[in-house]
Amino acid sequence: MSSFIKQMAINKLKQLSPDELLYYAHQYNFFITKKQAQEMTAYLRQNRIEPFDASGRAKMFKELERITDKATAQKAQQLLQEITKSYGLENMFK
């Protein structure tokens, strides 16, 4: 079952629109520009992403840092950790 959930999550990331990303950024108190949202969603669509693997996440957050800034990337990492812990999904993230 977990591989099904992982694939659904990856598919959702690849299908995010810039407007959806801006909505989620606002919801979680992140500030990103429309251009940054466009760059991030383009990156997600064009690259193989592995958010459930530590090295894959590191690569993804490094790219987020390049597009935005270090503070935003760190805040996103912290948010991911909080969300996975609150939903009891730590075991899905190596």
PDB file of N, CA and C in Angstrom:
ATOM      1  N   MET A   1       0.813  -1.195   0.000  1.00  0.00           N
ATOM      2  CA  MET A   1       0.000   0.000   0.000  1.00  0.00           C
ATOM      3  C   MET A   1       0.855   1.257   0.000  1.00  0.00           C
ATOM      4  N   SER A   2       1.983   1.233   0.700  1.00  0.00           N
ATOM      5  CA  SER A   2       2.787   2.445   0.775  1.00  0.00           C
ATOM      6  C   SER A   2       3.358   2.846  -0.584  1.00  0.00           C
ATOM      7  N   SER A   3       3.669   1.888  -1.454  1.00  0.00           N
ATOM      8  CA  SER A   3       4.182   2.261  -2.776  1.00  0.00           C
ATOM      9  C   SER A   3       3.089   2.966  -3.585  1.00  0.00           C
ATOM     10  N   PHE A   4       1.849   2.591  -3.390  1.00  0.00           N
ATOM     11  CA  PHE A   4       0.726   3.256  -4.047  1.00  0.00           C
ATOM     12  C   PHE A   4       0.619   4.708  -3.573  1.00  0.00           C
ATOM     13  N   ILE A   5       0.705   4.913  -2.279  1.00  0.00           N
ATOM     14  CA  ILE A   5       0.628   6.256  -1.698  1.00  0.00           C
ATOM     15  C   ILE A   5       1.813   7.099  -2.159  1.00  0.00           C
ATOM     16  N   LYS A   6       2.988   6.500  -2.197  1.00  0.00           N
ATOM     17  CA  LYS A   6       4.180   7.227  -2.656  1.00  0.00           C
ATOM     18  C   LYS A   6       4.002   7.681  -4.095  1.00  0.00           C
ATOM     19  N   GLN A   7       3.511   6.807  -4.949  1.00  0.00           N
ATOM     20  CA  GLN A   7       3.325   7.168  -6.353  1.00  0.00           C
ATOM     21  C   GLN A   7       2.275   8.264  -6.510  1.00  0.00           C
ATOM     22  N   MET A   8       1.219   8.203  -5.710  1.00  0.00           N
ATOM     23  CA  MET A   8       0.199   9.257  -5.742  1.00  0.00           C
ATOM     24  C   MET A   8       0.801  10.607  -5.356  1.00  0.00           C
ATOM     25  N   ALA A   9       1.628  10.615  -4.326  1.00  0.00           N
ATOM     26  CA  ALA A   9       2.258  11.862  -3.869  1.00  0.00           C
ATOM     27  C   ALA A   9       3.187  12.422  -4.942  1.00  0.00           C
ATOM     28  N   ILE A  10       3.983  11.563  -5.562  1.00  0.00           N
ATOM     29  CA  ILE A  10       4.895  12.002  -6.623  1.00  0.00           C
ATOM     30  C   ILE A  10       4.100  12.557  -7.802  1.00  0.00           C
ATOM     31  N   ASN A  11       3.025  11.872  -8.166  1.00  0.00           N
ATOM     32  CA  ASN A  11       2.180  12.358  -9.263  1.00  0.00           C
ATOM     33  C   ASN A  11       1.585  13.729  -8.937  1.00  0.00           C
ATOM     34  N   LYS A  12       1.156  13.925  -7.709  1.00  0.00           N
ATOM     35  CA  LYS A  12       0.594  15.223  -7.303  1.00  0.00           C
ATOM     36  C   LYS A  12       1.660  16.311  -7.414  1.00  0.00           C
ATOM     37  N   LEU A  13       2.874  16.031  -6.970  1.00  0.00           N
ATOM     38  CA  LEU A  13       3.949  17.018  -7.078  1.00  0.00           C
ATOM     39  C   LEU A  13       4.207  17.384  -8.538  1.00  0.00           C
ATOM     40  N   LYS A  14       4.195  16.391  -9.403  1.00  0.00           N
ATOM     41  CA  LYS A  14       4.461  16.635 -10.823  1.00  0.00           C
ATOM     42  C   LYS A  14       3.322  17.400 -11.509  1.00  0.00           C
ATOM     43  N   GLN A  15       2.122  17.341 -10.946  1.00  0.00           N
ATOM     44  CA  GLN A  15       0.975  17.999 -11.557  1.00  0.00           C
ATOM     45  C   GLN A  15       0.640  19.357 -10.929  1.00  0.00           C
ATOM     46  N   LEU A  16       1.401  19.766  -9.927  1.00  0.00           N
ATOM     47  CA  LEU A  16       1.136  21.051  -9.283  1.00  0.00           C
ATOM     48  C   LEU A  16       1.228  22.191 -10.284  1.00  0.00           C
ATOM     49  N   SER A  17       0.297  23.098 -10.201  1.00  0.00           N
ATOM     50  CA  SER A  17       0.367  24.306 -11.028  1.00  0.00           C
ATOM     51  C   SER A  17       1.033  25.405 -10.198  1.00  0.00           C
ATOM     52  N   PRO A  18       1.570  26.417 -10.854  1.00  0.00           N
ATOM     53  CA  PRO A  18       2.140  27.537 -10.095  1.00  0.00           C
ATOM     54  C   PRO A  18       1.120  28.179  -9.153  1.00  0.00           C
ATOM     55  N   ASP A  19      -0.120  28.293  -9.590  1.00  0.00           N
ATOM     56  CA  ASP A  19      -1.153  28.886  -8.735  1.00  0.00           C
ATOM     57  C   ASP A  19      -1.434  28.030  -7.503  1.00  0.00           C
ATOM     58  N   GLU A  20      -1.461  26.717  -7.680  1.00  0.00           N
ATOM     59  CA  GLU A  20      -1.650  25.825  -6.522  1.00  0.00           C
ATOM     60  C   GLU A  20      -0.487  25.978  -5.551  1.00  0.00           C
ATOM     61  N   LEU A  21       0.722  26.035  -6.091  1.00  0.00           N
ATOM     62  CA  LEU A  21       1.903  26.180  -5.235  1.00  0.00           C
ATOM     63  C   LEU A  21       1.856  27.500  -4.472  1.00  0.00           C
ATOM     64  N   LEU A  22       1.436  28.560  -5.126  1.00  0.00           N
ATOM     65  CA  LEU A  22       1.281  29.846  -4.439  1.00  0.00           C
ATOM     66  C   LEU A  22       0.225  29.760  -3.337  1.00  0.00           C
ATOM     67  N   TYR A  23      -0.859  29.037  -3.606  1.00  0.00           N
ATOM     68  CA  TYR A  23      -1.907  28.849  -2.601  1.00  0.00           C
ATOM     69  C   TYR A  23      -1.342  28.128  -1.369  1.00  0.00           C
ATOM     70  N   TYR A  24      -0.621  27.024  -1.598  1.00  0.00           N
ATOM     71  CA  TYR A  24      -0.049  26.279  -0.481  1.00  0.00           C
ATOM     72  C   TYR A  24       1.010  27.104   0.251  1.00  0.00           C
ATOM     73  N   ALA A  25       1.780  27.875  -0.476  1.00  0.00           N
ATOM     74  CA  ALA A  25       2.789  28.728   0.159  1.00  0.00           C
ATOM     75  C   ALA A  25       2.106  29.710   1.107  1.00  0.00           C
ATOM     76  N   HIS A  26       1.042  30.318   0.643  1.00  0.00           N
ATOM     77  CA  HIS A  26       0.300  31.256   1.488  1.00  0.00           C
ATOM     78  C   HIS A  26      -0.297  30.548   2.697  1.00  0.00           C
ATOM     79  N   GLN A  27      -0.842  29.372   2.476  1.00  0.00           N
ATOM     80  CA  GLN A  27      -1.475  28.602   3.554  1.00  0.00           C
ATOM     81  C   GLN A  27      -0.483  28.272   4.661  1.00  0.00           C
ATOM     82  N   TYR A  28       0.778  28.009   4.293  1.00  0.00           N
ATOM     83  CA  TYR A  28       1.792  27.626   5.278  1.00  0.00           C
ATOM     84  C   TYR A  28       2.784  28.748   5.572  1.00  0.00           C
ATOM     85  N   ASN A  29       2.384  29.983   5.261  1.00  0.00           N
ATOM     86  CA  ASN A  29       3.166  31.182   5.587  1.00  0.00           C
ATOM     87  C   ASN A  29       4.545  31.232   4.951  1.00  0.00           C
ATOM     88  N   PHE A  30       4.615  30.868   3.682  1.00  0.00           N
ATOM     89  CA  PHE A  30       5.827  31.012   2.887  1.00  0.00           C
ATOM     90  C   PHE A  30       5.606  32.180   1.941  1.00  0.00           C
ATOM     91  N   PHE A  31       6.665  32.901   1.632  1.00  0.00           N
ATOM     92  CA  PHE A  31       6.549  33.907   0.592  1.00  0.00           C
ATOM     93  C   PHE A  31       7.389  33.469  -0.595  1.00  0.00           C
ATOM     94  N   ILE A  32       6.723  33.248  -1.712  1.00  0.00           N
ATOM     95  CA  ILE A  32       7.421  32.983  -2.970  1.00  0.00           C
ATOM     96  C   ILE A  32       6.742  33.826  -4.044  1.00  0.00           C
ATOM     97  N   THR A  33       7.498  34.150  -5.058  1.00  0.00           N
ATOM     98  CA  THR A  33       6.946  34.935  -6.152  1.00  0.00           C
ATOM     99  C   THR A  33       6.305  34.009  -7.178  1.00  0.00           C
ATOM    100  N   LYS A  34       5.536  34.594  -8.077  1.00  0.00           N
ATOM    101  CA  LYS A  34       4.918  33.826  -9.163  1.00  0.00           C
ATOM    102  C   LYS A  34       6.003  33.169 -10.021  1.00  0.00           C
ATOM    103  N   LYS A  35       7.084  33.919 -10.285  1.00  0.00           N
ATOM    104  CA  LYS A  35       8.186  33.387 -11.093  1.00  0.00           C
ATOM    105  C   LYS A  35       8.828  32.182 -10.387  1.00  0.00           C
ATOM    106  N   GLN A  36       9.035  32.284  -9.079  1.00  0.00           N
ATOM    107  CA  GLN A  36       9.611  31.169  -8.322  1.00  0.00           C
ATOM    108  C   GLN A  36       8.679  29.959  -8.363  1.00  0.00           C
ATOM    109  N   ALA A  37       7.384  30.190  -8.236  1.00  0.00           N
ATOM    110  CA  ALA A  37       6.411  29.088  -8.310  1.00  0.00           C
ATOM    111  C   ALA A  37       6.476  28.423  -9.674  1.00  0.00           C
ATOM    112  N   GLN A  38       6.618  29.216 -10.720  1.00  0.00           N
ATOM    113  CA  GLN A  38       6.722  28.666 -12.068  1.00  0.00           C
ATOM    114  C   GLN A  38       7.999  27.833 -12.220  1.00  0.00           C
ATOM    115  N   GLU A  39       9.104  28.335 -11.691  1.00  0.00           N
ATOM    116  CA  GLU A  39      10.372  27.597 -11.770  1.00  0.00           C
ATOM    117  C   GLU A  39      10.301  26.291 -10.985  1.00  0.00           C
ATOM    118  N   MET A  40       9.692  26.336  -9.807  1.00  0.00           N
ATOM    119  CA  MET A  40       9.601  25.133  -8.980  1.00  0.00           C
ATOM    120  C   MET A  40       8.725  24.073  -9.632  1.00  0.00           C
ATOM    121  N   THR A  41       7.579  24.475 -10.156  1.00  0.00           N
ATOM    122  CA  THR A  41       6.699  23.488 -10.776  1.00  0.00           C
ATOM    123  C   THR A  41       7.329  22.933 -12.056  1.00  0.00           C
ATOM    124  N   ALA A  42       8.061  23.755 -12.777  1.00  0.00           N
ATOM    125  CA  ALA A  42       8.771  23.268 -13.969  1.00  0.00           C
ATOM    126  C   ALA A  42       9.823  22.240 -13.562  1.00  0.00           C
ATOM    127  N   TYR A  43      10.541  22.518 -12.481  1.00  0.00           N
ATOM    128  CA  TYR A  43      11.549  21.572 -11.984  1.00  0.00           C
ATOM    129  C   TYR A  43      10.887  20.242 -11.619  1.00  0.00           C
ATOM    130  N   LEU A  44       9.776  20.306 -10.915  1.00  0.00           N
ATOM    131  CA  LEU A  44       9.091  19.088 -10.485  1.00  0.00           C
ATOM    132  C   LEU A  44       8.614  18.262 -11.681  1.00  0.00           C
ATOM    133  N   ARG A  45       8.140  18.927 -12.716  1.00  0.00           N
ATOM    134  CA  ARG A  45       7.656  18.220 -13.907  1.00  0.00           C
ATOM    135  C   ARG A  45       8.788  17.621 -14.728  1.00  0.00           C
ATOM    136  N   GLN A  46       9.902  18.321 -14.815  1.00  0.00           N
ATOM    137  CA  GLN A  46      10.963  17.936 -15.741  1.00  0.00           C
ATOM    138  C   GLN A  46      12.003  16.989 -15.153  1.00  0.00           C
ATOM    139  N   ASN A  47      11.999  16.810 -13.851  1.00  0.00           N
ATOM    140  CA  ASN A  47      13.031  15.994 -13.219  1.00  0.00           C
ATOM    141  C   ASN A  47      12.423  14.830 -12.464  1.00  0.00           C
ATOM    142  N   ARG A  48      13.208  13.774 -12.401  1.00  0.00           N
ATOM    143  CA  ARG A  48      12.798  12.624 -11.588  1.00  0.00           C
ATOM    144  C   ARG A  48      12.990  13.034 -10.135  1.00  0.00           C
ATOM    145  N   ILE A  49      11.922  12.954  -9.369  1.00  0.00           N
ATOM    146  CA  ILE A  49      12.002  13.345  -7.969  1.00  0.00           C
ATOM    147  C   ILE A  49      11.761  12.133  -7.088  1.00  0.00           C
ATOM    148  N   GLU A  50      12.487  12.080  -5.991  1.00  0.00           N
ATOM    149  CA  GLU A  50      12.383  10.984  -5.032  1.00  0.00           C
ATOM    150  C   GLU A  50      12.228  11.564  -3.623  1.00  0.00           C
ATOM    151  N   PRO A  51      11.068  12.138  -3.296  1.00  0.00           N
ATOM    152  CA  PRO A  51      10.905  12.785  -1.996  1.00  0.00           C
ATOM    153  C   PRO A  51      10.937  11.824  -0.809  1.00  0.00           C
ATOM    154  N   PHE A  52      10.789  10.531  -1.059  1.00  0.00           N
ATOM    155  CA  PHE A  52      10.759   9.563   0.037  1.00  0.00           C
ATOM    156  C   PHE A  52      12.143   9.014   0.358  1.00  0.00           C
ATOM    157  N   ASP A  53      13.132   9.413  -0.386  1.00  0.00           N
ATOM    158  CA  ASP A  53      14.515   8.995  -0.197  1.00  0.00           C
ATOM    159  C   ASP A  53      15.316  10.204   0.291  1.00  0.00           C
ATOM    160  N   ALA A  54      16.177  10.016   1.298  1.00  0.00           N
ATOM    161  CA  ALA A  54      16.924  11.133   1.887  1.00  0.00           C
ATOM    162  C   ALA A  54      17.743  11.903   0.849  1.00  0.00           C
ATOM    163  N   SER A  55      18.430  11.199  -0.032  1.00  0.00           N
ATOM    164  CA  SER A  55      19.246  11.901  -1.030  1.00  0.00           C
ATOM    165  C   SER A  55      18.362  12.601  -2.062  1.00  0.00           C
ATOM    166  N   GLY A  56      17.233  12.007  -2.396  1.00  0.00           N
ATOM    167  CA  GLY A  56      16.295  12.637  -3.316  1.00  0.00           C
ATOM    168  C   GLY A  56      15.697  13.908  -2.732  1.00  0.00           C
ATOM    169  N   ARG A  57      15.351  13.859  -1.438  1.00  0.00           N
ATOM    170  CA  ARG A  57      14.834  15.051  -0.764  1.00  0.00           C
ATOM    171  C   ARG A  57      15.896  16.134  -0.707  1.00  0.00           C
ATOM    172  N   ALA A  58      17.133  15.738  -0.395  1.00  0.00           N
ATOM    173  CA  ALA A  58      18.226  16.711  -0.310  1.00  0.00           C
ATOM    174  C   ALA A  58      18.401  17.430  -1.648  1.00  0.00           C
ATOM    175  N   LYS A  59      18.341  16.678  -2.728  1.00  0.00           N
ATOM    176  CA  LYS A  59      18.483  17.262  -4.062  1.00  0.00           C
ATOM    177  C   LYS A  59      17.329  18.223  -4.338  1.00  0.00           C
ATOM    178  N   MET A  60      16.124  17.829  -3.964  1.00  0.00           N
ATOM    179  CA  MET A  60      14.952  18.659  -4.182  1.00  0.00           C
ATOM    180  C   MET A  60      15.046  19.965  -3.380  1.00  0.00           C
ATOM    181  N   PHE A  61      15.463  19.868  -2.120  1.00  0.00           N
ATOM    182  CA  PHE A  61      15.571  21.063  -1.294  1.00  0.00           C
ATOM    183  C   PHE A  61      16.736  21.951  -1.728  1.00  0.00           C
ATOM    184  N   LYS A  62      17.776  21.352  -2.277  1.00  0.00           N
ATOM    185  CA  LYS A  62      18.890  22.139  -2.825  1.00  0.00           C
ATOM    186  C   LYS A  62      18.405  22.962  -4.013  1.00  0.00           C
ATOM    187  N   GLU A  63      17.582  22.370  -4.843  1.00  0.00           N
ATOM    188  CA  GLU A  63      17.023  23.089  -5.986  1.00  0.00           C
ATOM    189  C   GLU A  63      16.065  24.183  -5.510  1.00  0.00           C
ATOM    190  N   LEU A  64      15.279  23.893  -4.484  1.00  0.00           N
ATOM    191  CA  LEU A  64      14.400  24.906  -3.907  1.00  0.00           C
ATOM    192  C   LEU A  64      15.222  26.075  -3.382  1.00  0.00           C
ATOM    193  N   GLU A  65      16.327  25.774  -2.735  1.00  0.00           N
ATOM    194  CA  GLU A  65      17.222  26.827  -2.232  1.00  0.00           C
ATOM    195  C   GLU A  65      17.770  27.669  -3.386  1.00  0.00           C
ATOM    196  N   ARG A  66      18.120  27.039  -4.490  1.00  0.00           N
ATOM    197  CA  ARG A  66      18.640  27.762  -5.646  1.00  0.00           C
ATOM    198  C   ARG A  66      17.570  28.702  -6.223  1.00  0.00           C
ATOM    199  N   ILE A  67      16.330  28.223  -6.270  1.00  0.00           N
ATOM    200  CA  ILE A  67      15.248  29.007  -6.845  1.00  0.00           C
ATOM    201  C   ILE A  67      14.808  30.129  -5.907  1.00  0.00           C
ATOM    202  N   THR A  68      14.781  29.840  -4.613  1.00  0.00           N
ATOM    203  CA  THR A  68      14.300  30.839  -3.644  1.00  0.00           C
ATOM    204  C   THR A  68      15.473  31.354  -2.822  1.00  0.00           C
ATOM    205  N   ASP A  69      15.614  30.809  -1.628  1.00  0.00           N
ATOM    206  CA  ASP A  69      16.732  31.157  -0.750  1.00  0.00           C
ATOM    207  C   ASP A  69      16.871  30.079   0.328  1.00  0.00           C
ATOM    208  N   LYS A  70      17.940  30.158   1.071  1.00  0.00           N
ATOM    209  CA  LYS A  70      18.245  29.123   2.068  1.00  0.00           C
ATOM    210  C   LYS A  70      17.165  29.049   3.155  1.00  0.00           C
ATOM    211  N   ALA A  71      16.689  30.200   3.608  1.00  0.00           N
ATOM    212  CA  ALA A  71      15.683  30.220   4.678  1.00  0.00           C
ATOM    213  C   ALA A  71      14.389  29.545   4.234  1.00  0.00           C
ATOM    214  N   THR A  72      13.964  29.780   3.012  1.00  0.00           N
ATOM    215  CA  THR A  72      12.737  29.167   2.500  1.00  0.00           C
ATOM    216  C   THR A  72      12.904  27.656   2.388  1.00  0.00           C
ATOM    217  N   ALA A  73      14.050  27.210   1.888  1.00  0.00           N
ATOM    218  CA  ALA A  73      14.312  25.771   1.764  1.00  0.00           C
ATOM    219  C   ALA A  73      14.328  25.106   3.141  1.00  0.00           C
ATOM    220  N   GLN A  74      14.939  25.752   4.123  1.00  0.00           N
ATOM    221  CA  GLN A  74      14.979  25.187   5.476  1.00  0.00           C
ATOM    222  C   GLN A  74      13.584  25.137   6.090  1.00  0.00           C
ATOM    223  N   LYS A  75      12.798  26.175   5.862  1.00  0.00           N
ATOM    224  CA  LYS A  75      11.432  26.196   6.379  1.00  0.00           C
ATOM    225  C   LYS A  75      10.605  25.081   5.735  1.00  0.00           C
ATOM    226  N   ALA A  76      10.803  24.847   4.450  1.00  0.00           N
ATOM    227  CA  ALA A  76      10.086  23.773   3.755  1.00  0.00           C
ATOM    228  C   ALA A  76      10.480  22.407   4.307  1.00  0.00           C
ATOM    229  N   GLN A  77      11.761  22.216   4.580  1.00  0.00           N
ATOM    230  CA  GLN A  77      12.220  20.952   5.166  1.00  0.00           C
ATOM    231  C   GLN A  77      11.579  20.736   6.526  1.00  0.00           C
ATOM    232  N   GLN A  78      11.568  21.772   7.326  1.00  0.00           N
ATOM    233  CA  GLN A  78      10.982  21.670   8.662  1.00  0.00           C
ATOM    234  C   GLN A  78       9.489  21.362   8.570  1.00  0.00           C
ATOM    235  N   LEU A  79       8.794  22.015   7.660  1.00  0.00           N
ATOM    236  CA  LEU A  79       7.364  21.769   7.473  1.00  0.00           C
ATOM    237  C   LEU A  79       7.110  20.325   7.061  1.00  0.00           C
ATOM    238  N   LEU A  80       7.917  19.798   6.136  1.00  0.00           N
ATOM    239  CA  LEU A  80       7.754  18.409   5.711  1.00  0.00           C
ATOM    240  C   LEU A  80       7.927  17.468   6.896  1.00  0.00           C
ATOM    241  N   GLN A  81       8.930  17.715   7.722  1.00  0.00           N
ATOM    242  CA  GLN A  81       9.152  16.868   8.902  1.00  0.00           C
ATOM    243  C   GLN A  81       7.964  16.934   9.855  1.00  0.00           C
ATOM    244  N   GLU A  82       7.441  18.133  10.080  1.00  0.00           N
ATOM    245  CA  GLU A  82       6.295  18.289  10.977  1.00  0.00           C
ATOM    246  C   GLU A  82       5.063  17.572  10.435  1.00  0.00           C
ATOM    247  N   ILE A  83       4.821  17.719   9.141  1.00  0.00           N
ATOM    248  CA  ILE A  83       3.640  17.088   8.539  1.00  0.00           C
ATOM    249  C   ILE A  83       3.752  15.567   8.578  1.00  0.00           C
ATOM    250  N   THR A  84       4.918  15.035   8.211  1.00  0.00           N
ATOM    251  CA  THR A  84       5.066  13.574   8.220  1.00  0.00           C
ATOM    252  C   THR A  84       4.924  13.031   9.636  1.00  0.00           C
ATOM    253  N   LYS A  85       5.440  13.754  10.611  1.00  0.00           N
ATOM    254  CA  LYS A  85       5.321  13.305  12.003  1.00  0.00           C
ATOM    255  C   LYS A  85       3.869  13.382  12.476  1.00  0.00           C
ATOM    256  N   SER A  86       3.173  14.472  12.144  1.00  0.00           N
ATOM    257  CA  SER A  86       1.793  14.627  12.608  1.00  0.00           C
ATOM    258  C   SER A  86       0.857  13.586  11.994  1.00  0.00           C
ATOM    259  N   TYR A  87       1.172  13.096  10.805  1.00  0.00           N
ATOM    260  CA  TYR A  87       0.347  12.072  10.157  1.00  0.00           C
ATOM    261  C   TYR A  87       0.900  10.661  10.375  1.00  0.00           C
ATOM    262  N   GLY A  88       1.977  10.547  11.151  1.00  0.00           N
ATOM    263  CA  GLY A  88       2.548   9.228  11.414  1.00  0.00           C
ATOM    264  C   GLY A  88       3.158   8.570  10.201  1.00  0.00           C
ATOM    265  N   LEU A  89       3.746   9.355   9.306  1.00  0.00           N
ATOM    266  CA  LEU A  89       4.289   8.823   8.066  1.00  0.00           C
ATOM    267  C   LEU A  89       5.818   8.761   8.047  1.00  0.00           C
ATOM    268  N   GLU A  90       6.444   8.900   9.191  1.00  0.00           N
ATOM    269  CA  GLU A  90       7.906   8.906   9.237  1.00  0.00           C
ATOM    270  C   GLU A  90       8.526   7.677   8.593  1.00  0.00           C
ATOM    271  N   ASN A  91       7.851   6.520   8.727  1.00  0.00           N
ATOM    272  CA  ASN A  91       8.394   5.277   8.182  1.00  0.00           C
ATOM    273  C   ASN A  91       8.463   5.272   6.646  1.00  0.00           C
ATOM    274  N   MET A  92       7.711   6.162   5.992  1.00  0.00           N
ATOM    275  CA  MET A  92       7.735   6.215   4.526  1.00  0.00           C
ATOM    276  C   MET A  92       8.911   7.050   4.004  1.00  0.00           C
ATOM    277  N   PHE A  93       9.524   7.817   4.907  1.00  0.00           N
ATOM    278  CA  PHE A  93      10.639   8.695   4.518  1.00  0.00           C
ATOM    279  C   PHE A  93      11.928   8.137   5.110  1.00  0.00           C
ATOM    280  N   LYS A  94      12.765   7.585   4.231  1.00  0.00           N
ATOM    281  CA  LYS A  94      14.018   6.951   4.662  1.00  0.00           C
ATOM    282  C   LYS A  94      14.988   7.976   5.189  1.00  0.00           C
TER     283      LYS A  94
END
